[in-house]
Amino acid sequence: MLLDPMRMPRSQRVVIEIPVRVCMNRGGATPVEEITNTMIVNASGALIKLSTLVVAGETLQIVNMRSNEQVKCTVTNTRINPMDNKRTEVGIIFDEPTPCYWGFSFPPVNRN
């Protein structure tokens, strides 16, 4: 049986609001920035809400506004929440391992 790496748990999830600036540079278009908060974070990414529409596979730059650290991410999925029709829930994954990006470390994942 093959395991889908996108569906395997990557690390412990933490429900926390961390302010982030999301930068979207779409080819020749004017870059778009949006300030938002995380909903859930883990060692490899986060769940955020955006008013700007994005699609799975799109590249974003995320700036942790607490540390001013910037990281390149990819949108993994999007979901419209019927309770908040103005913003979309967006799953993001870091393009490069950045385990302490959120300002704390996560325990190792038990793969057994």
N, C-alpha and C. Protein backbone atom coordinates (compact mmCIF):
# COMPACT_ATOMS: atom_id res chain seq x y z
N MET A 1 0.84 -1.18 0.00
CA MET A 1 0.00 0.00 0.00
C MET A 1 0.89 1.25 0.00
N LEU A 2 0.62 2.17 -0.89
CA LEU A 2 1.36 3.42 -0.94
C LEU A 2 0.70 4.44 -0.04
N LEU A 3 1.49 5.20 0.68
CA LEU A 3 0.97 6.23 1.56
C LEU A 3 1.08 7.57 0.87
N ASP A 4 0.03 8.34 0.96
CA ASP A 4 0.02 9.68 0.39
C ASP A 4 0.69 10.62 1.39
N PRO A 5 1.87 11.18 1.06
CA PRO A 5 2.57 12.04 2.02
C PRO A 5 1.78 13.28 2.40
N MET A 6 0.85 13.73 1.54
CA MET A 6 0.06 14.92 1.86
C MET A 6 -0.98 14.60 2.95
N ARG A 7 -1.33 13.33 3.13
CA ARG A 7 -2.35 12.97 4.12
C ARG A 7 -1.75 12.42 5.41
N MET A 8 -0.44 12.18 5.43
CA MET A 8 0.20 11.69 6.63
C MET A 8 0.39 12.84 7.62
N PRO A 9 0.15 12.61 8.91
CA PRO A 9 0.37 13.68 9.88
C PRO A 9 1.84 14.08 9.89
N ARG A 10 2.10 15.37 9.85
CA ARG A 10 3.47 15.86 9.80
C ARG A 10 4.02 16.16 11.18
N SER A 11 3.22 16.71 12.05
CA SER A 11 3.62 16.98 13.41
C SER A 11 2.38 17.36 14.21
N GLN A 12 2.59 17.52 15.48
CA GLN A 12 1.50 17.93 16.36
C GLN A 12 0.94 19.27 15.89
N ARG A 13 -0.37 19.41 15.96
CA ARG A 13 -1.02 20.67 15.60
C ARG A 13 -1.29 21.47 16.85
N VAL A 14 -1.13 22.80 16.74
CA VAL A 14 -1.37 23.70 17.86
C VAL A 14 -2.35 24.77 17.40
N VAL A 15 -3.45 24.92 18.14
CA VAL A 15 -4.42 25.97 17.85
C VAL A 15 -3.89 27.25 18.48
N ILE A 16 -3.52 28.20 17.61
CA ILE A 16 -2.94 29.46 18.10
C ILE A 16 -3.08 30.52 17.01
N GLU A 17 -3.36 31.73 17.44
CA GLU A 17 -3.40 32.85 16.50
C GLU A 17 -2.05 33.57 16.53
N ILE A 18 -1.38 33.52 15.39
CA ILE A 18 -0.12 34.23 15.22
C ILE A 18 -0.31 35.17 14.04
N PRO A 19 -0.07 36.47 14.21
CA PRO A 19 -0.25 37.39 13.09
C PRO A 19 0.77 37.13 11.98
N VAL A 20 0.26 37.07 10.75
CA VAL A 20 1.12 36.85 9.59
C VAL A 20 0.73 37.81 8.46
N ARG A 21 1.73 38.16 7.65
CA ARG A 21 1.50 38.91 6.42
C ARG A 21 1.71 37.93 5.28
N VAL A 22 0.72 37.83 4.42
CA VAL A 22 0.76 36.91 3.28
C VAL A 22 0.99 37.72 2.02
N CYS A 23 2.04 37.38 1.28
CA CYS A 23 2.39 38.10 0.05
C CYS A 23 2.19 37.17 -1.13
N MET A 24 1.41 37.62 -2.09
CA MET A 24 1.14 36.85 -3.30
C MET A 24 1.66 37.63 -4.50
N ASN A 25 2.58 37.04 -5.22
CA ASN A 25 3.16 37.67 -6.40
C ASN A 25 2.74 36.84 -7.60
N ARG A 26 1.79 37.32 -8.36
CA ARG A 26 1.19 36.55 -9.44
C ARG A 26 1.67 37.03 -10.81
N GLY A 27 2.84 36.57 -11.17
CA GLY A 27 3.38 36.90 -12.49
C GLY A 27 3.51 38.38 -12.70
N GLY A 28 2.92 38.90 -13.75
CA GLY A 28 3.02 40.31 -14.09
C GLY A 28 2.06 41.20 -13.34
N ALA A 29 1.16 40.61 -12.55
CA ALA A 29 0.18 41.40 -11.82
C ALA A 29 0.83 42.11 -10.63
N THR A 30 0.14 43.11 -10.13
CA THR A 30 0.61 43.81 -8.94
C THR A 30 0.59 42.86 -7.75
N PRO A 31 1.68 42.79 -6.99
CA PRO A 31 1.68 41.90 -5.81
C PRO A 31 0.57 42.28 -4.83
N VAL A 32 0.02 41.26 -4.18
CA VAL A 32 -1.06 41.45 -3.21
C VAL A 32 -0.55 41.04 -1.84
N GLU A 33 -0.86 41.84 -0.83
CA GLU A 33 -0.51 41.50 0.55
C GLU A 33 -1.78 41.52 1.39
N GLU A 34 -1.82 40.60 2.34
CA GLU A 34 -2.96 40.54 3.25
C GLU A 34 -2.44 40.19 4.65
N ILE A 35 -2.97 40.89 5.64
CA ILE A 35 -2.64 40.60 7.03
C ILE A 35 -3.74 39.69 7.58
N THR A 36 -3.34 38.61 8.23
CA THR A 36 -4.29 37.67 8.82
C THR A 36 -3.64 37.01 10.03
N ASN A 37 -4.29 36.01 10.57
CA ASN A 37 -3.77 35.24 11.70
C ASN A 37 -3.82 33.76 11.36
N THR A 38 -2.93 33.01 11.96
CA THR A 38 -3.04 31.56 11.84
C THR A 38 -4.22 31.10 12.66
N MET A 39 -4.76 29.93 12.29
CA MET A 39 -5.79 29.27 13.08
C MET A 39 -5.16 28.08 13.80
N ILE A 40 -4.37 27.33 13.04
CA ILE A 40 -3.67 26.14 13.52
C ILE A 40 -2.28 26.16 12.91
N VAL A 41 -1.26 25.78 13.68
CA VAL A 41 0.10 25.68 13.13
C VAL A 41 0.66 24.30 13.45
N ASN A 42 1.64 23.88 12.66
CA ASN A 42 2.45 22.70 12.97
C ASN A 42 3.85 22.97 12.45
N ALA A 43 4.74 22.03 12.60
CA ALA A 43 6.14 22.24 12.24
C ALA A 43 6.33 22.45 10.74
N SER A 44 5.37 22.04 9.94
CA SER A 44 5.55 22.12 8.49
C SER A 44 4.61 23.09 7.79
N GLY A 45 3.78 23.84 8.54
CA GLY A 45 2.88 24.77 7.89
C GLY A 45 1.83 25.31 8.82
N ALA A 46 0.64 25.63 8.24
CA ALA A 46 -0.42 26.24 9.03
C ALA A 46 -1.74 26.20 8.29
N LEU A 47 -2.78 26.56 9.02
CA LEU A 47 -4.09 26.83 8.45
C LEU A 47 -4.36 28.30 8.74
N ILE A 48 -4.67 29.06 7.69
CA ILE A 48 -4.94 30.49 7.81
C ILE A 48 -6.26 30.80 7.10
N LYS A 49 -6.77 32.01 7.30
CA LYS A 49 -7.95 32.47 6.56
C LYS A 49 -7.52 33.65 5.70
N LEU A 50 -7.98 33.64 4.44
CA LEU A 50 -7.67 34.72 3.51
C LEU A 50 -8.92 35.24 2.83
N SER A 51 -8.97 36.55 2.60
CA SER A 51 -10.03 37.16 1.78
C SER A 51 -9.69 37.05 0.31
N THR A 52 -8.39 37.03 0.00
CA THR A 52 -7.91 36.91 -1.37
C THR A 52 -8.02 35.45 -1.80
N LEU A 53 -8.55 35.22 -2.98
CA LEU A 53 -8.68 33.86 -3.47
C LEU A 53 -7.32 33.31 -3.89
N VAL A 54 -7.02 32.09 -3.46
CA VAL A 54 -5.82 31.38 -3.86
C VAL A 54 -6.23 29.97 -4.26
N VAL A 55 -5.32 29.27 -4.95
CA VAL A 55 -5.61 27.91 -5.40
C VAL A 55 -4.51 26.96 -4.95
N ALA A 56 -4.85 25.70 -4.82
CA ALA A 56 -3.86 24.69 -4.45
C ALA A 56 -2.70 24.73 -5.43
N GLY A 57 -1.48 24.67 -4.92
CA GLY A 57 -0.29 24.73 -5.75
C GLY A 57 0.30 26.12 -5.87
N GLU A 58 -0.45 27.14 -5.49
CA GLU A 58 0.04 28.53 -5.58
C GLU A 58 1.12 28.78 -4.53
N THR A 59 2.13 29.55 -4.89
CA THR A 59 3.23 29.89 -3.98
C THR A 59 2.93 31.20 -3.27
N LEU A 60 3.17 31.22 -1.95
CA LEU A 60 2.96 32.41 -1.13
C LEU A 60 4.23 32.68 -0.33
N GLN A 61 4.43 33.92 0.05
CA GLN A 61 5.46 34.29 1.02
C GLN A 61 4.72 34.65 2.30
N ILE A 62 5.10 34.02 3.40
CA ILE A 62 4.45 34.27 4.69
C ILE A 62 5.48 34.94 5.61
N VAL A 63 5.08 36.03 6.24
CA VAL A 63 5.94 36.71 7.20
C VAL A 63 5.30 36.57 8.58
N ASN A 64 6.01 35.93 9.50
CA ASN A 64 5.59 35.84 10.89
C ASN A 64 5.82 37.23 11.49
N MET A 65 4.74 37.92 11.84
CA MET A 65 4.87 39.30 12.28
C MET A 65 5.42 39.43 13.69
N ARG A 66 5.51 38.32 14.42
CA ARG A 66 6.15 38.35 15.75
C ARG A 66 7.67 38.36 15.61
N SER A 67 8.19 37.61 14.65
CA SER A 67 9.64 37.49 14.49
C SER A 67 10.17 38.21 13.26
N ASN A 68 9.27 38.62 12.37
CA ASN A 68 9.61 39.23 11.08
C ASN A 68 10.34 38.24 10.16
N GLU A 69 10.26 36.95 10.45
CA GLU A 69 10.88 35.92 9.61
C GLU A 69 9.95 35.59 8.45
N GLN A 70 10.54 35.47 7.26
CA GLN A 70 9.79 35.19 6.04
C GLN A 70 10.10 33.79 5.56
N VAL A 71 9.06 33.11 5.03
CA VAL A 71 9.24 31.76 4.51
C VAL A 71 8.35 31.58 3.28
N LYS A 72 8.86 30.81 2.33
CA LYS A 72 8.11 30.50 1.12
C LYS A 72 7.24 29.27 1.38
N CYS A 73 5.96 29.34 0.98
CA CYS A 73 4.99 28.27 1.23
C CYS A 73 4.23 27.94 -0.05
N THR A 74 3.59 26.79 -0.02
CA THR A 74 2.71 26.37 -1.10
C THR A 74 1.33 26.09 -0.52
N VAL A 75 0.29 26.52 -1.22
CA VAL A 75 -1.09 26.24 -0.81
C VAL A 75 -1.36 24.76 -1.07
N THR A 76 -1.79 24.04 -0.02
CA THR A 76 -2.10 22.62 -0.18
C THR A 76 -3.57 22.38 -0.42
N ASN A 77 -4.42 23.21 0.19
CA ASN A 77 -5.87 23.07 0.00
C ASN A 77 -6.58 24.34 0.43
N THR A 78 -7.81 24.45 -0.02
CA THR A 78 -8.65 25.58 0.38
C THR A 78 -10.04 25.04 0.71
N ARG A 79 -10.71 25.75 1.61
CA ARG A 79 -12.06 25.33 1.99
C ARG A 79 -12.87 26.57 2.36
N ILE A 80 -14.04 26.68 1.76
CA ILE A 80 -14.93 27.78 2.12
C ILE A 80 -15.72 27.37 3.35
N ASN A 81 -15.66 28.20 4.37
CA ASN A 81 -16.40 27.96 5.60
C ASN A 81 -17.76 28.64 5.46
N PRO A 82 -18.86 27.88 5.51
CA PRO A 82 -20.18 28.50 5.34
C PRO A 82 -20.51 29.54 6.41
N MET A 83 -19.81 29.48 7.55
CA MET A 83 -20.05 30.46 8.63
C MET A 83 -19.30 31.77 8.39
N ASP A 84 -18.35 31.78 7.44
CA ASP A 84 -17.55 32.97 7.16
C ASP A 84 -17.36 33.06 5.65
N ASN A 85 -18.38 33.56 4.96
CA ASN A 85 -18.34 33.57 3.49
C ASN A 85 -17.44 34.65 2.91
N LYS A 86 -16.79 35.44 3.76
CA LYS A 86 -15.89 36.48 3.26
C LYS A 86 -14.45 36.01 3.18
N ARG A 87 -14.12 34.91 3.88
CA ARG A 87 -12.74 34.43 3.89
C ARG A 87 -12.72 32.91 3.67
N THR A 88 -11.62 32.47 3.07
CA THR A 88 -11.42 31.05 2.78
C THR A 88 -10.36 30.49 3.72
N GLU A 89 -10.58 29.27 4.23
CA GLU A 89 -9.56 28.59 5.02
C GLU A 89 -8.54 28.02 4.06
N VAL A 90 -7.27 28.29 4.31
CA VAL A 90 -6.19 27.91 3.40
C VAL A 90 -5.13 27.13 4.16
N GLY A 91 -4.86 25.91 3.70
CA GLY A 91 -3.77 25.12 4.25
C GLY A 91 -2.49 25.43 3.50
N ILE A 92 -1.41 25.68 4.23
CA ILE A 92 -0.12 25.98 3.60
C ILE A 92 0.94 25.05 4.17
N ILE A 93 1.94 24.75 3.35
CA ILE A 93 3.07 23.93 3.77
C ILE A 93 4.35 24.67 3.40
N PHE A 94 5.34 24.66 4.31
CA PHE A 94 6.61 25.31 4.03
C PHE A 94 7.31 24.57 2.89
N ASP A 95 7.91 25.33 1.98
CA ASP A 95 8.66 24.72 0.87
C ASP A 95 9.97 24.10 1.35
N GLU A 96 10.54 24.63 2.40
CA GLU A 96 11.77 24.10 3.01
C GLU A 96 11.49 23.85 4.48
N PRO A 97 12.08 22.83 5.09
CA PRO A 97 11.87 22.60 6.52
C PRO A 97 12.23 23.84 7.34
N THR A 98 11.30 24.25 8.18
CA THR A 98 11.49 25.43 9.04
C THR A 98 10.83 25.13 10.39
N PRO A 99 11.38 24.18 11.14
CA PRO A 99 10.69 23.65 12.32
C PRO A 99 10.41 24.64 13.44
N CYS A 100 11.19 25.68 13.60
CA CYS A 100 10.97 26.63 14.71
C CYS A 100 10.41 27.97 14.22
N TYR A 101 9.84 27.99 13.04
CA TYR A 101 9.32 29.23 12.44
C TYR A 101 8.29 29.92 13.34
N TRP A 102 7.47 29.14 14.03
CA TRP A 102 6.40 29.72 14.83
C TRP A 102 6.87 30.17 16.20
N GLY A 103 8.14 29.99 16.53
CA GLY A 103 8.67 30.48 17.79
C GLY A 103 8.72 29.43 18.88
N PHE A 104 8.38 28.20 18.56
CA PHE A 104 8.49 27.09 19.51
C PHE A 104 8.75 25.82 18.72
N SER A 105 9.23 24.79 19.40
CA SER A 105 9.54 23.54 18.71
C SER A 105 8.42 22.53 18.93
N PHE A 106 8.37 21.56 18.04
CA PHE A 106 7.36 20.50 18.07
C PHE A 106 8.04 19.18 18.38
N PRO A 107 7.36 18.30 19.11
CA PRO A 107 7.96 16.98 19.35
C PRO A 107 8.06 16.19 18.05
N PRO A 108 8.99 15.25 17.97
CA PRO A 108 9.12 14.45 16.76
C PRO A 108 7.86 13.62 16.51
N VAL A 109 7.58 13.37 15.23
CA VAL A 109 6.42 12.57 14.84
C VAL A 109 6.75 11.10 15.04
N ASN A 110 5.86 10.39 15.69
CA ASN A 110 6.01 8.95 15.88
C ASN A 110 5.45 8.25 14.65
N ARG A 111 6.30 7.66 13.84
CA ARG A 111 5.88 7.02 12.58
C ARG A 111 5.53 5.54 12.75
N ASN A 112 5.48 5.02 13.97
CA ASN A 112 5.17 3.61 14.20
C ASN A 112 3.71 3.33 14.20
